[in-house]
Amino acid sequence: MELKIRKNGEVYIIDVNGEMDLYNSYKLKELVMKMLRKKCKELYY
């Protein structure tokens, strides 16, 4: 699974490419939590 972040104006978008399963889903959770700690107002994935 590959995660990429892009920004469009004030909106952050996380692109998820590849297969997500129980063993690698924590990567998406960690990335979202990191973005929330940085006070991102709008986040889409």
PDB file of N, CA and C in Angstrom:
ATOM      1  N   MET A   1       0.845  -1.172   0.000  1.00  0.00           N
ATOM      2  CA  MET A   1       0.000   0.000   0.000  1.00  0.00           C
ATOM      3  C   MET A   1       0.892   1.237   0.000  1.00  0.00           C
ATOM      4  N   GLU A   2       0.507   2.198  -0.818  1.00  0.00           N
ATOM      5  CA  GLU A   2       1.243   3.444  -0.926  1.00  0.00           C
ATOM      6  C   GLU A   2       0.312   4.601  -0.583  1.00  0.00           C
ATOM      7  N   LEU A   3       0.774   5.509   0.271  1.00  0.00           N
ATOM      8  CA  LEU A   3      -0.011   6.671   0.683  1.00  0.00           C
ATOM      9  C   LEU A   3       0.681   7.933   0.187  1.00  0.00           C
ATOM     10  N   LYS A   4      -0.095   8.815  -0.439  1.00  0.00           N
ATOM     11  CA  LYS A   4       0.436  10.100  -0.897  1.00  0.00           C
ATOM     12  C   LYS A   4      -0.510  11.196  -0.437  1.00  0.00           C
ATOM     13  N   ILE A   5       0.063  12.305  -0.009  1.00  0.00           N
ATOM     14  CA  ILE A   5      -0.730  13.457   0.432  1.00  0.00           C
ATOM     15  C   ILE A   5      -0.602  14.543  -0.624  1.00  0.00           C
ATOM     16  N   ARG A   6      -1.740  15.134  -0.977  1.00  0.00           N
ATOM     17  CA  ARG A   6      -1.726  16.298  -1.859  1.00  0.00           C
ATOM     18  C   ARG A   6      -2.678  17.336  -1.291  1.00  0.00           C
ATOM     19  N   LYS A   7      -2.448  18.565  -1.675  1.00  0.00           N
ATOM     20  CA  LYS A   7      -3.249  19.667  -1.144  1.00  0.00           C
ATOM     21  C   LYS A   7      -3.879  20.428  -2.298  1.00  0.00           C
ATOM     22  N   ASN A   8      -5.161  20.733  -2.152  1.00  0.00           N
ATOM     23  CA  ASN A   8      -5.898  21.520  -3.131  1.00  0.00           C
ATOM     24  C   ASN A   8      -6.545  22.670  -2.367  1.00  0.00           C
ATOM     25  N   GLY A   9      -5.928  23.817  -2.396  1.00  0.00           N
ATOM     26  CA  GLY A   9      -6.406  24.942  -1.593  1.00  0.00           C
ATOM     27  C   GLY A   9      -6.182  24.632  -0.124  1.00  0.00           C
ATOM     28  N   GLU A  10      -7.247  24.613   0.645  1.00  0.00           N
ATOM     29  CA  GLU A  10      -7.174  24.300   2.079  1.00  0.00           C
ATOM     30  C   GLU A  10      -7.505  22.841   2.370  1.00  0.00           C
ATOM     31  N   VAL A  11      -7.730  22.044   1.333  1.00  0.00           N
ATOM     32  CA  VAL A  11      -8.148  20.651   1.503  1.00  0.00           C
ATOM     33  C   VAL A  11      -6.962  19.725   1.281  1.00  0.00           C
ATOM     34  N   TYR A  12      -6.734  18.818   2.224  1.00  0.00           N
ATOM     35  CA  TYR A  12      -5.720  17.788   2.088  1.00  0.00           C
ATOM     36  C   TYR A  12      -6.383  16.498   1.625  1.00  0.00           C
ATOM     37  N   ILE A  13      -5.760  15.831   0.665  1.00  0.00           N
ATOM     38  CA  ILE A  13      -6.293  14.594   0.116  1.00  0.00           C
ATOM     39  C   ILE A  13      -5.224  13.517   0.266  1.00  0.00           C
ATOM     40  N   ILE A  14      -5.621  12.375   0.825  1.00  0.00           N
ATOM     41  CA  ILE A  14      -4.721  11.243   0.953  1.00  0.00           C
ATOM     42  C   ILE A  14      -5.099  10.231  -0.120  1.00  0.00           C
ATOM     43  N   ASP A  15      -4.170   9.964  -1.028  1.00  0.00           N
ATOM     44  CA  ASP A  15      -4.380   8.952  -2.061  1.00  0.00           C
ATOM     45  C   ASP A  15      -3.859   7.621  -1.532  1.00  0.00           C
ATOM     46  N   VAL A  16      -4.702   6.607  -1.594  1.00  0.00           N
ATOM     47  CA  VAL A  16      -4.326   5.266  -1.150  1.00  0.00           C
ATOM     48  C   VAL A  16      -4.251   4.382  -2.384  1.00  0.00           C
ATOM     49  N   ASN A  17      -3.062   3.872  -2.684  1.00  0.00           N
ATOM     50  CA  ASN A  17      -2.864   2.986  -3.829  1.00  0.00           C
ATOM     51  C   ASN A  17      -2.389   1.627  -3.347  1.00  0.00           C
ATOM     52  N   GLY A  18      -2.926   0.590  -3.937  1.00  0.00           N
ATOM     53  CA  GLY A  18      -2.522  -0.755  -3.571  1.00  0.00           C
ATOM     54  C   GLY A  18      -3.526  -1.401  -2.641  1.00  0.00           C
ATOM     55  N   GLU A  19      -3.128  -2.519  -2.117  1.00  0.00           N
ATOM     56  CA  GLU A  19      -4.011  -3.321  -1.279  1.00  0.00           C
ATOM     57  C   GLU A  19      -3.856  -2.941   0.189  1.00  0.00           C
ATOM     58  N   MET A  20      -4.980  -2.670   0.840  1.00  0.00           N
ATOM     59  CA  MET A  20      -4.973  -2.377   2.265  1.00  0.00           C
ATOM     60  C   MET A  20      -5.541  -3.593   2.992  1.00  0.00           C
ATOM     61  N   ASP A  21      -4.826  -4.038   4.001  1.00  0.00           N
ATOM     62  CA  ASP A  21      -5.307  -5.162   4.785  1.00  0.00           C
ATOM     63  C   ASP A  21      -5.014  -4.911   6.262  1.00  0.00           C
ATOM     64  N   LEU A  22      -5.291  -5.887   7.068  1.00  0.00           N
ATOM     65  CA  LEU A  22      -5.125  -5.762   8.517  1.00  0.00           C
ATOM     66  C   LEU A  22      -3.684  -5.437   8.902  1.00  0.00           C
ATOM     67  N   TYR A  23      -2.725  -5.911   8.127  1.00  0.00           N
ATOM     68  CA  TYR A  23      -1.324  -5.759   8.485  1.00  0.00           C
ATOM     69  C   TYR A  23      -0.729  -4.406   8.123  1.00  0.00           C
ATOM     70  N   ASN A  24      -1.337  -3.691   7.187  1.00  0.00           N
ATOM     71  CA  ASN A  24      -0.772  -2.395   6.831  1.00  0.00           C
ATOM     72  C   ASN A  24      -1.754  -1.235   7.004  1.00  0.00           C
ATOM     73  N   SER A  25      -2.958  -1.500   7.479  1.00  0.00           N
ATOM     74  CA  SER A  25      -3.950  -0.428   7.657  1.00  0.00           C
ATOM     75  C   SER A  25      -3.528   0.581   8.728  1.00  0.00           C
ATOM     76  N   TYR A  26      -2.659   0.167   9.626  1.00  0.00           N
ATOM     77  CA  TYR A  26      -2.193   1.078  10.683  1.00  0.00           C
ATOM     78  C   TYR A  26      -1.470   2.289  10.086  1.00  0.00           C
ATOM     79  N   LYS A  27      -0.872   2.129   8.895  1.00  0.00           N
ATOM     80  CA  LYS A  27      -0.162   3.239   8.258  1.00  0.00           C
ATOM     81  C   LYS A  27      -1.117   4.386   7.940  1.00  0.00           C
ATOM     82  N   LEU A  28      -2.307   4.055   7.433  1.00  0.00           N
ATOM     83  CA  LEU A  28      -3.305   5.087   7.135  1.00  0.00           C
ATOM     84  C   LEU A  28      -3.769   5.749   8.426  1.00  0.00           C
ATOM     85  N   LYS A  29      -4.011   4.949   9.448  1.00  0.00           N
ATOM     86  CA  LYS A  29      -4.451   5.502  10.737  1.00  0.00           C
ATOM     87  C   LYS A  29      -3.397   6.455  11.301  1.00  0.00           C
ATOM     88  N   GLU A  30      -2.133   6.073  11.259  1.00  0.00           N
ATOM     89  CA  GLU A  30      -1.062   6.923  11.771  1.00  0.00           C
ATOM     90  C   GLU A  30      -0.969   8.232  10.985  1.00  0.00           C
ATOM     91  N   LEU A  31      -1.137   8.159   9.671  1.00  0.00           N
ATOM     92  CA  LEU A  31      -1.072   9.354   8.848  1.00  0.00           C
ATOM     93  C   LEU A  31      -2.237  10.297   9.151  1.00  0.00           C
ATOM     94  N   VAL A  32      -3.440   9.758   9.276  1.00  0.00           N
ATOM     95  CA  VAL A  32      -4.608  10.582   9.598  1.00  0.00           C
ATOM     96  C   VAL A  32      -4.442  11.223  10.971  1.00  0.00           C
ATOM     97  N   MET A  33      -3.978  10.464  11.951  1.00  0.00           N
ATOM     98  CA  MET A  33      -3.768  11.020  13.291  1.00  0.00           C
ATOM     99  C   MET A  33      -2.723  12.134  13.262  1.00  0.00           C
ATOM    100  N   LYS A  34      -1.665  11.966  12.481  1.00  0.00           N
ATOM    101  CA  LYS A  34      -0.635  12.992  12.352  1.00  0.00           C
ATOM    102  C   LYS A  34      -1.220  14.262  11.735  1.00  0.00           C
ATOM    103  N   MET A  35      -2.054  14.099  10.708  1.00  0.00           N
ATOM    104  CA  MET A  35      -2.675  15.257  10.072  1.00  0.00           C
ATOM    105  C   MET A  35      -3.616  15.973  11.043  1.00  0.00           C
ATOM    106  N   LEU A  36      -4.357  15.226  11.829  1.00  0.00           N
ATOM    107  CA  LEU A  36      -5.267  15.832  12.804  1.00  0.00           C
ATOM    108  C   LEU A  36      -4.506  16.589  13.883  1.00  0.00           C
ATOM    109  N   ARG A  37      -3.363  16.062  14.317  1.00  0.00           N
ATOM    110  CA  ARG A  37      -2.541  16.763  15.304  1.00  0.00           C
ATOM    111  C   ARG A  37      -2.017  18.086  14.749  1.00  0.00           C
ATOM    112  N   LYS A  38      -1.824  18.139  13.430  1.00  0.00           N
ATOM    113  CA  LYS A  38      -1.358  19.376  12.794  1.00  0.00           C
ATOM    114  C   LYS A  38      -2.516  20.323  12.501  1.00  0.00           C
ATOM    115  N   LYS A  39      -3.704  19.966  12.982  1.00  0.00           N
ATOM    116  CA  LYS A  39      -4.892  20.814  12.874  1.00  0.00           C
ATOM    117  C   LYS A  39      -5.373  20.995  11.430  1.00  0.00           C
ATOM    118  N   CYS A  40      -5.270  19.978  10.622  1.00  0.00           N
ATOM    119  CA  CYS A  40      -5.824  20.035   9.259  1.00  0.00           C
ATOM    120  C   CYS A  40      -7.335  20.111   9.384  1.00  0.00           C
ATOM    121  N   LYS A  41      -7.937  21.097   8.753  1.00  0.00           N
ATOM    122  CA  LYS A  41      -9.365  21.311   8.885  1.00  0.00           C
ATOM    123  C   LYS A  41     -10.172  20.404   7.962  1.00  0.00           C
ATOM    124  N   GLU A  42      -9.694  20.184   6.747  1.00  0.00           N
ATOM    125  CA  GLU A  42     -10.437  19.341   5.812  1.00  0.00           C
ATOM    126  C   GLU A  42      -9.500  18.267   5.299  1.00  0.00           C
ATOM    127  N   LEU A  43      -9.925  17.010   5.473  1.00  0.00           N
ATOM    128  CA  LEU A  43      -9.095  15.871   5.123  1.00  0.00           C
ATOM    129  C   LEU A  43      -9.964  14.845   4.432  1.00  0.00           C
ATOM    130  N   TYR A  44      -9.564  14.397   3.261  1.00  0.00           N
ATOM    131  CA  TYR A  44     -10.328  13.399   2.498  1.00  0.00           C
ATOM    132  C   TYR A  44      -9.413  12.256   2.127  1.00  0.00           C
ATOM    133  N   TYR A  45      -9.956  11.041   2.122  1.00  0.00           N
ATOM    134  CA  TYR A  45      -9.209   9.862   1.678  1.00  0.00           C
ATOM    135  C   TYR A  45     -10.130   8.892   1.028  1.00  0.00           C
TER     136      TYR A  45
END
